Amino acid sequence: MKVDVILGLQWGDEGKGKIVDFFAEKYDIIARFQGGPNAGHTLVINGKKSVLHTIPSGIFRPNCMNLIGNGVVIDPIILMAEISKLEAAGIPVRERLIIAKRANLILPSHRLLDAASENAKGKEKIGSTLKGIGPTYMDKTGRNGLRIGNILEDDFQDRYNSLKEKHLSLLRNYNFNFKIEEQENQWFEAIDRLRTYTIKDSVYYINNELKAGKKILAEGAQGSMLDIDFGTYPFVTSSNTISAAVCTGLGIAPHKIGEVIGITKAYCTRVGSGPFPSELDNEVGEKIRQEGGEFGATTGRPRRCGWIDLPALKYTCMLNGVTQIVVTKLDVLNSFDKFGVCTEYEYDGHRTQELPFRLESANIQPVFEYKKSWGSVPEDMSVKQEMQEYVDFLTNYLEIKVSWVSVGPDRNQLIEFK
């Protein structure tokens, strides 16, 4: 058996949660392989909306186990709040969730460092969600971090105190007021609860399950254009978000990767700072925002909006080895008579489909083509000619099959293209 992958191909917010939930019934295990609670995966099931930040999107499926892998960074306060909400709604989280011992912990002082660092940048802010993600990954790579497995050890409090003191000494270098006590009390209460859930050495767990023939789906967070190596650096997240991270984030070998399902919106959005060649900072962009409900699931911030960027999409398909594509929020284009598609960039006196080394430094002008909209999606979700033509256009441009399109928020509002 091989591990299939679902991940985002843009700057996040592509609708991965809904797609993972839809496909989850075909799998035995859904595994998150990177990121932290800066992600927000929104699902609508029978008209009821749920937002997941750390827990994999298969948690609503009764036959699925859900693994938070070692590549994820975990804030116990946020995780326990998420679990409480799910359990109050009748979801037996304890029976369906496994947490990797090797996953790193976000401390209250990580959040303070995140806020202090972002505040110090002034106009150079990168748009952090202030969840402590960056400082936690820095401690991980600096070999100072605390991991889930440490909470089961006798010296955990000493290790916590040592790392906290390191953080407090760093915070004294910033002109930044802070209080840690209230957060710290909540954090240790959450740690006590966390100890009562299933914590495993997930590397052996997932490889043994693969060997036993179990079907596994790996779920990514954020999007490929936010990858620490290949995204729009420095306006990126602190982890690798592409398919290669499945191996390090779960502990599986590269030859164990199967299908790579890439998710893209029918248009483009971005939260926070950073380059965005196809952005529409006008009434059209505002219309996309309102029609698509483009406000952050984690932060509530309005997302920047623009037409779909196909050179960037082709780039992330190449990076990930995408084998099939799902296009979400196609119904948002219903309200436009015509819509734009960025097919090339113009910079340095020529046109190209290739991204420059620094997207923000090049004076990029997007080259748009305009497509006729289909006006509405029939209630029986039959495909209109204009929609079929657009799906064919995307398939031909990207040289990868568009297998599904989403035409509404509910898990069943998907149209398959065979």
Protein backbone atom coordinates (compact mmCIF):
# COMPACT_ATOMS: atom_id res chain seq x y z
CA MET A 1 0.00 0.00 0.00
CA LYS A 2 0.98 3.63 -0.53
CA VAL A 3 0.14 6.88 1.21
CA ASP A 4 -1.98 9.27 -0.85
CA VAL A 5 -1.60 13.00 -0.26
CA ILE A 6 -3.93 16.00 -0.30
CA LEU A 7 -2.35 19.44 -0.14
CA GLY A 8 -2.88 23.05 -1.20
CA LEU A 9 -1.30 24.48 -4.34
CA GLN A 10 -1.67 28.19 -3.60
CA TRP A 11 -1.14 30.37 -0.49
CA GLY A 12 -3.42 28.24 1.68
CA ASP A 13 -7.18 28.45 2.26
CA GLU A 14 -7.89 26.31 -0.83
CA GLY A 15 -10.64 24.27 0.84
CA LYS A 16 -8.50 21.25 1.76
CA GLY A 17 -10.62 20.39 4.82
CA LYS A 18 -13.77 19.76 2.80
CA ILE A 19 -11.89 17.69 0.23
CA VAL A 20 -10.13 15.57 2.86
CA ASP A 21 -13.45 14.99 4.60
CA PHE A 22 -15.05 13.95 1.28
CA PHE A 23 -12.30 11.46 0.43
CA ALA A 24 -11.89 10.23 4.02
CA GLU A 25 -14.54 7.52 3.73
CA LYS A 26 -12.21 5.67 1.35
CA TYR A 27 -9.34 5.62 3.89
CA ASP A 28 -8.55 3.99 7.22
CA ILE A 29 -6.23 6.72 8.53
CA ILE A 30 -6.04 10.48 7.93
CA ALA A 31 -2.66 11.92 8.97
CA ARG A 32 -1.64 15.59 9.33
CA PHE A 33 2.04 15.88 8.43
CA GLN A 34 3.04 19.53 9.08
CA GLY A 35 1.94 22.95 10.24
CA GLY A 36 0.16 24.00 13.38
CA PRO A 37 -2.89 25.87 14.63
CA ASN A 38 -2.24 28.74 12.22
CA ALA A 39 -4.15 26.56 9.75
CA GLY A 40 -7.94 26.52 9.68
CA HIS A 41 -9.72 23.75 7.78
CA THR A 42 -13.41 24.54 7.31
CA LEU A 43 -15.93 21.74 6.78
CA VAL A 44 -19.68 21.98 6.22
CA ILE A 45 -21.56 18.74 6.88
CA ASN A 46 -25.34 18.73 6.47
CA GLY A 47 -25.33 22.51 6.71
CA LYS A 48 -23.29 22.61 9.94
CA LYS A 49 -19.94 24.42 9.81
CA SER A 50 -16.87 23.20 11.72
CA VAL A 51 -13.35 24.62 11.73
CA LEU A 52 -10.38 22.38 12.56
CA HIS A 53 -6.96 23.80 13.42
CA THR A 54 -4.85 20.82 14.50
CA ILE A 55 -7.05 17.72 14.31
CA PRO A 56 -7.12 15.95 10.91
CA SER A 57 -10.22 16.45 8.78
CA GLY A 58 -11.25 12.79 8.93
CA ILE A 59 -12.39 13.13 12.54
CA PHE A 60 -16.06 13.21 11.50
CA ARG A 61 -15.82 9.83 9.75
CA PRO A 62 -16.65 6.94 12.12
CA ASN A 63 -14.32 4.45 10.44
CA CYS A 64 -11.25 6.70 10.33
CA MET A 65 -8.33 6.97 12.71
CA ASN A 66 -6.76 10.43 12.74
CA LEU A 67 -3.06 10.97 13.36
CA ILE A 68 -1.39 14.25 14.29
CA GLY A 69 2.07 13.49 12.90
CA ASN A 70 5.52 14.37 14.16
CA GLY A 71 5.86 17.24 11.66
CA VAL A 72 3.01 19.16 13.33
CA VAL A 73 3.56 21.69 16.13
CA ILE A 74 0.88 21.53 18.82
CA ASP A 75 -0.53 24.18 21.15
CA PRO A 76 -2.17 22.15 23.95
CA ILE A 77 -4.63 24.95 24.79
CA ILE A 78 -5.92 25.17 21.21
CA LEU A 79 -5.94 21.39 20.75
CA MET A 80 -7.91 20.77 23.94
CA ALA A 81 -10.41 23.53 23.09
CA GLU A 82 -10.88 21.92 19.70
CA ILE A 83 -11.36 18.48 21.25
CA SER A 84 -13.87 19.83 23.80
CA LYS A 85 -15.95 21.40 21.05
CA LEU A 86 -15.98 18.20 19.00
CA GLU A 87 -16.81 16.02 22.00
CA ALA A 88 -19.63 18.38 22.99
CA ALA A 89 -21.03 17.81 19.47
CA GLY A 90 -20.96 14.05 20.03
CA ILE A 91 -17.75 13.21 18.15
CA PRO A 92 -15.82 10.44 20.02
CA VAL A 93 -12.43 12.08 19.59
CA ARG A 94 -10.69 9.86 22.14
CA GLU A 95 -11.52 6.78 20.03
CA ARG A 96 -10.44 8.33 16.73
CA LEU A 97 -7.32 10.40 17.52
CA ILE A 98 -3.62 9.50 17.87
CA ILE A 99 -0.93 12.06 18.71
CA ALA A 100 2.71 11.55 17.71
CA LYS A 101 5.27 11.51 20.53
CA ARG A 102 7.72 13.37 18.29
CA ALA A 103 5.43 16.34 17.56
CA ASN A 104 6.79 19.57 19.06
CA LEU A 105 4.93 21.64 21.67
CA ILE A 106 4.09 25.33 21.36
CA LEU A 107 4.76 27.00 24.73
CA PRO A 108 3.08 30.21 25.95
CA SER A 109 6.48 31.89 25.65
CA HIS A 110 6.65 30.86 21.97
CA ARG A 111 3.50 32.90 21.36
CA LEU A 112 5.01 35.88 23.16
CA LEU A 113 8.20 35.64 21.11
CA ASP A 114 6.12 35.48 17.92
CA ALA A 115 4.21 38.64 18.87
CA ALA A 116 7.35 40.50 19.99
CA SER A 117 9.25 39.59 16.82
CA GLU A 118 6.40 40.60 14.52
CA ASN A 119 5.91 43.86 16.42
CA ALA A 120 9.60 44.70 16.05
CA LYS A 121 9.46 44.32 12.25
CA GLY A 122 7.22 47.38 11.86
CA LYS A 123 6.43 47.87 8.18
CA GLU A 124 8.35 44.69 7.31
CA LYS A 125 5.79 42.42 9.03
CA ILE A 126 5.35 39.05 7.33
CA GLY A 127 1.73 38.65 8.48
CA SER A 128 2.24 36.04 11.19
CA THR A 129 -0.89 34.61 12.83
CA LEU A 130 0.95 35.07 16.18
CA LYS A 131 0.30 31.46 17.20
CA GLY A 132 3.95 30.80 18.07
CA ILE A 133 4.56 28.60 15.05
CA GLY A 134 7.81 30.20 13.86
CA PRO A 135 9.56 30.27 17.27
CA THR A 136 8.52 26.64 17.87
CA TYR A 137 10.03 25.45 14.60
CA MET A 138 13.14 27.51 15.41
CA ASP A 139 13.51 25.66 18.71
CA LYS A 140 12.91 22.38 16.90
CA THR A 141 15.73 22.97 14.42
CA GLY A 142 17.85 24.51 17.18
CA ARG A 143 17.43 21.25 19.15
CA ASN A 144 15.88 23.03 22.12
CA GLY A 145 12.25 22.05 21.65
CA LEU A 146 9.89 20.12 23.88
CA ARG A 147 7.96 17.26 22.32
CA ILE A 148 4.71 15.51 23.16
CA GLY A 149 6.61 12.48 24.44
CA ASN A 150 8.36 14.68 27.02
CA ILE A 151 5.09 15.31 28.88
CA LEU A 152 5.15 11.65 29.93
CA GLU A 153 8.63 11.94 31.48
CA ASP A 154 9.55 12.75 35.08
CA ASP A 155 11.79 15.73 34.22
CA PHE A 156 9.20 17.51 32.04
CA GLN A 157 8.72 20.45 34.45
CA ASP A 158 12.48 21.06 34.64
CA ARG A 159 12.80 20.95 30.87
CA TYR A 160 9.87 23.35 30.52
CA ASN A 161 11.35 25.81 33.03
CA SER A 162 14.71 25.76 31.26
CA LEU A 163 13.19 26.53 27.84
CA LYS A 164 10.87 29.17 29.29
CA GLU A 165 13.82 31.00 30.89
CA LYS A 166 15.64 31.01 27.58
CA HIS A 167 12.58 32.60 25.98
CA LEU A 168 12.16 35.19 28.74
CA SER A 169 15.78 36.28 28.34
CA LEU A 170 15.15 36.78 24.61
CA LEU A 171 11.97 38.72 25.31
CA ARG A 172 13.90 41.19 27.48
CA ASN A 173 15.71 42.29 24.32
CA TYR A 174 12.41 43.53 22.86
CA ASN A 175 10.56 46.66 23.97
CA PHE A 176 7.47 44.55 24.48
CA ASN A 177 5.09 44.29 27.42
CA PHE A 178 3.78 40.83 28.24
CA LYS A 179 2.13 38.65 30.86
CA ILE A 180 2.56 34.90 30.82
CA GLU A 181 0.90 33.64 34.02
CA GLU A 182 -2.69 33.24 32.82
CA GLN A 183 -1.66 31.51 29.59
CA GLU A 184 0.76 29.32 31.51
CA ASN A 185 -1.95 28.10 33.93
CA GLN A 186 -4.24 27.21 31.01
CA TRP A 187 -1.33 25.52 29.24
CA PHE A 188 -0.55 23.15 32.12
CA GLU A 189 -4.24 22.33 32.56
CA ALA A 190 -4.32 21.39 28.87
CA ILE A 191 -1.14 19.32 29.28
CA ASP A 192 -2.79 17.33 32.08
CA ARG A 193 -5.74 16.55 29.80
CA LEU A 194 -3.48 15.79 26.85
CA ARG A 195 -1.77 13.01 28.83
CA THR A 196 -5.09 11.12 28.93
CA TYR A 197 -5.33 10.80 25.12
CA THR A 198 -3.57 8.25 22.90
CA ILE A 199 0.09 9.19 22.42
CA LYS A 200 2.19 6.86 20.28
CA ASP A 201 5.50 6.48 18.52
CA SER A 202 3.75 7.27 15.25
CA VAL A 203 6.64 6.19 13.00
CA TYR A 204 6.16 2.54 13.91
CA TYR A 205 2.38 2.94 14.02
CA ILE A 206 2.00 4.31 10.50
CA ASN A 207 4.53 1.95 8.90
CA ASN A 208 2.98 -1.09 10.57
CA GLU A 209 -0.47 0.03 9.40
CA LEU A 210 0.86 0.44 5.86
CA LYS A 211 2.36 -3.04 6.01
CA ALA A 212 -1.00 -4.37 7.21
CA GLY A 213 -2.68 -2.98 4.08
CA LYS A 214 -4.40 0.03 5.64
CA LYS A 215 -5.26 2.93 3.33
CA ILE A 216 -3.71 6.20 4.50
CA LEU A 217 -4.34 9.78 3.38
CA ALA A 218 -1.82 12.47 4.35
CA GLU A 219 -3.30 15.94 4.91
CA GLY A 220 -1.27 19.12 4.48
CA ALA A 221 -1.83 22.56 5.99
CA GLN A 222 -1.28 26.04 4.49
CA GLY A 223 -0.30 25.90 0.80
CA SER A 224 2.66 25.15 -1.44
CA MET A 225 3.42 28.82 -2.15
CA LEU A 226 4.05 29.21 1.60
CA ASP A 227 6.73 26.49 1.68
CA ILE A 228 9.82 27.61 3.62
CA ASP A 229 12.14 26.60 0.75
CA PHE A 230 10.07 27.03 -2.41
CA GLY A 231 7.44 29.61 -1.49
CA THR A 232 7.54 33.41 -1.67
CA TYR A 233 10.31 33.70 0.94
CA PRO A 234 10.43 35.41 3.44
CA PHE A 235 6.63 35.74 3.29
CA VAL A 236 6.14 32.06 4.01
CA THR A 237 5.33 29.69 6.86
CA SER A 238 7.97 27.94 8.98
CA SER A 239 7.58 24.41 7.61
CA ASN A 240 7.80 22.57 4.31
CA THR A 241 4.27 22.39 2.92
CA ILE A 242 4.92 20.33 -0.21
CA SER A 243 4.55 16.58 -0.73
CA ALA A 244 8.20 15.90 0.18
CA ALA A 245 7.29 16.88 3.76
CA VAL A 246 5.00 13.85 4.02
CA CYS A 247 8.11 11.67 4.40
CA THR A 248 9.69 13.74 7.18
CA GLY A 249 6.38 14.73 8.78
CA LEU A 250 5.13 11.16 9.16
CA GLY A 251 8.25 9.02 8.92
CA ILE A 252 7.58 7.15 5.70
CA ALA A 253 9.90 6.41 2.76
CA PRO A 254 9.59 8.38 -0.53
CA HIS A 255 8.61 5.31 -2.55
CA LYS A 256 5.57 4.93 -0.28
CA ILE A 257 3.91 8.06 -1.74
CA GLY A 258 1.01 7.28 -4.09
CA GLU A 259 -1.51 9.75 -5.51
CA VAL A 260 -0.85 13.46 -4.91
CA ILE A 261 -4.11 15.38 -5.06
CA GLY A 262 -3.56 19.12 -5.39
CA ILE A 263 -6.24 21.60 -4.32
CA THR A 264 -6.68 25.02 -5.91
CA LYS A 265 -9.41 27.60 -5.75
CA ALA A 266 -11.01 28.79 -8.96
CA TYR A 267 -9.40 32.14 -8.14
CA CYS A 268 -6.55 33.18 -5.83
CA THR A 269 -6.35 34.47 -2.25
CA ARG A 270 -3.63 35.38 0.19
CA VAL A 271 -3.62 36.38 3.86
CA GLY A 272 -1.05 38.83 5.19
CA SER A 273 1.96 40.34 3.45
CA GLY A 274 3.86 39.11 0.42
CA PRO A 275 3.78 39.20 -3.38
CA PHE A 276 0.55 38.38 -5.22
CA PRO A 277 0.89 39.08 -8.98
CA SER A 278 -2.78 38.49 -9.91
CA GLU A 279 -4.23 40.43 -6.97
CA LEU A 280 -7.23 42.69 -7.66
CA ASP A 281 -7.10 45.55 -5.18
CA ASN A 282 -10.36 47.00 -6.50
CA GLU A 283 -14.12 46.43 -6.56
CA VAL A 284 -13.68 43.14 -8.46
CA GLY A 285 -11.38 41.80 -5.75
CA GLU A 286 -13.88 42.94 -3.12
CA LYS A 287 -16.70 41.16 -4.97
CA ILE A 288 -14.67 37.92 -4.98
CA ARG A 289 -14.06 38.37 -1.24
CA GLN A 290 -17.74 38.82 -0.45
CA GLU A 291 -19.01 36.10 -2.79
CA GLY A 292 -16.40 33.62 -1.54
CA GLY A 293 -16.60 34.57 2.14
CA GLU A 294 -12.87 35.18 2.08
CA PHE A 295 -12.08 35.84 5.71
CA GLY A 296 -9.52 33.79 7.64
CA ALA A 297 -10.87 30.74 9.50
CA THR A 298 -8.14 31.18 12.11
CA THR A 299 -7.65 34.96 12.25
CA GLY A 300 -10.85 36.39 10.74
CA ARG A 301 -8.67 38.67 8.60
CA PRO A 302 -10.01 39.60 5.15
CA ARG A 303 -8.11 37.74 2.47
CA ARG A 304 -6.54 39.49 -0.48
CA CYS A 305 -8.25 38.27 -3.66
CA GLY A 306 -7.46 38.02 -7.37
CA TRP A 307 -7.86 35.87 -10.44
CA ILE A 308 -6.26 32.43 -10.61
CA ASP A 309 -2.47 32.42 -11.19
CA LEU A 310 -1.63 29.56 -13.55
CA PRO A 311 2.18 30.05 -13.73
CA ALA A 312 2.31 29.73 -9.92
CA LEU A 313 -0.05 26.75 -10.09
CA LYS A 314 2.07 25.01 -12.71
CA TYR A 315 5.12 25.60 -10.49
CA THR A 316 3.53 24.01 -7.41
CA CYS A 317 2.19 21.08 -9.45
CA MET A 318 5.78 20.43 -10.55
CA LEU A 319 7.14 20.68 -6.99
CA ASN A 320 4.56 18.28 -5.59
CA GLY A 321 4.38 15.73 -8.39
CA VAL A 322 0.62 16.31 -8.53
CA THR A 323 -1.30 13.47 -10.17
CA GLN A 324 -4.78 15.01 -10.10
CA ILE A 325 -6.36 18.36 -9.27
CA VAL A 326 -9.47 19.47 -7.41
CA VAL A 327 -10.77 22.98 -8.09
CA THR A 328 -12.78 24.48 -5.24
CA LYS A 329 -15.21 27.41 -5.05
CA LEU A 330 -16.00 27.27 -8.75
CA ASP A 331 -19.49 28.52 -7.84
CA VAL A 332 -18.01 31.88 -6.76
CA LEU A 333 -17.43 32.60 -10.45
CA ASN A 334 -21.19 32.20 -11.11
CA SER A 335 -21.79 35.86 -10.33
CA PHE A 336 -19.33 37.12 -12.97
CA ASP A 337 -20.19 37.45 -16.67
CA LYS A 338 -16.54 36.76 -17.39
CA PHE A 339 -13.52 36.06 -15.22
CA GLY A 340 -9.77 36.40 -15.59
CA VAL A 341 -7.04 33.77 -15.78
CA CYS A 342 -3.38 34.76 -15.40
CA THR A 343 -1.56 32.67 -18.03
CA GLU A 344 1.85 34.40 -18.10
CA TYR A 345 4.00 36.99 -16.35
CA GLU A 346 5.62 39.93 -18.06
CA TYR A 347 8.87 41.19 -16.49
CA ASP A 348 12.42 42.08 -17.56
CA GLY A 349 11.09 42.80 -21.04
CA HIS A 350 9.71 39.35 -21.80
CA ARG A 351 6.81 37.03 -21.13
CA THR A 352 7.23 33.77 -19.25
CA GLN A 353 5.43 31.11 -17.27
CA GLU A 354 8.38 30.79 -14.86
CA LEU A 355 8.54 32.41 -11.43
CA PRO A 356 11.52 34.68 -10.67
CA PHE A 357 13.84 34.08 -7.71
CA ARG A 358 12.14 36.87 -5.75
CA LEU A 359 8.56 37.33 -6.79
CA GLU A 360 8.22 40.59 -4.85
CA SER A 361 11.29 42.23 -6.38
CA ALA A 362 10.44 41.67 -10.03
CA ASN A 363 8.15 44.25 -11.60
CA ILE A 364 5.68 41.58 -12.64
CA GLN A 365 2.66 42.36 -14.77
CA PRO A 366 0.16 39.50 -14.99
CA VAL A 367 -1.07 38.61 -18.48
CA PHE A 368 -4.77 37.75 -18.32
CA GLU A 369 -7.10 35.82 -20.55
CA TYR A 370 -10.83 36.16 -19.93
CA LYS A 371 -13.31 33.31 -19.92
CA LYS A 372 -17.08 33.38 -20.20
CA SER A 373 -18.88 32.30 -17.02
CA TRP A 374 -21.65 29.69 -16.89
CA GLY A 375 -23.98 31.85 -14.80
CA SER A 376 -25.11 29.19 -12.33
CA VAL A 377 -24.70 25.55 -11.38
CA PRO A 378 -27.86 23.47 -11.95
CA GLU A 379 -29.41 21.92 -8.83
CA ASP A 380 -28.64 18.45 -10.18
CA MET A 381 -24.99 19.61 -10.55
CA SER A 382 -24.95 18.78 -14.25
CA VAL A 383 -22.10 20.41 -16.16
CA LYS A 384 -22.72 23.35 -18.47
CA GLN A 385 -20.68 23.68 -21.65
CA GLU A 386 -18.74 26.74 -20.44
CA MET A 387 -17.73 24.92 -17.26
CA GLN A 388 -16.58 21.88 -19.22
CA GLU A 389 -14.55 24.13 -21.52
CA TYR A 390 -12.89 25.82 -18.55
CA VAL A 391 -12.02 22.50 -16.88
CA ASP A 392 -10.56 21.27 -20.19
CA PHE A 393 -8.55 24.51 -20.48
CA LEU A 394 -7.05 24.02 -16.99
CA THR A 395 -6.25 20.37 -17.69
CA ASN A 396 -4.48 21.26 -20.94
CA TYR A 397 -2.54 24.19 -19.46
CA LEU A 398 -1.38 22.34 -16.35
CA GLU A 399 -0.97 18.98 -18.12
CA ILE A 400 -2.64 17.32 -15.15
CA LYS A 401 -6.22 16.11 -15.02
CA VAL A 402 -8.80 18.17 -13.15
CA SER A 403 -10.73 15.33 -11.53
CA TRP A 404 -13.19 17.20 -9.32
CA VAL A 405 -14.68 20.65 -8.91
CA SER A 406 -16.43 21.96 -5.81
CA VAL A 407 -19.56 24.06 -6.37
CA GLY A 408 -20.63 24.75 -2.79
CA PRO A 409 -19.54 24.41 0.84
CA ASP A 410 -21.21 21.10 1.72
CA ARG A 411 -19.22 17.85 1.51
CA ASN A 412 -21.47 16.52 -1.29
CA GLN A 413 -21.33 19.59 -3.54
CA LEU A 414 -18.64 18.11 -5.77
CA ILE A 415 -18.73 17.26 -9.46
CA GLU A 416 -16.46 14.53 -10.78
CA PHE A 417 -14.83 14.83 -14.23
CA LYS A 418 -13.88 11.41 -15.59
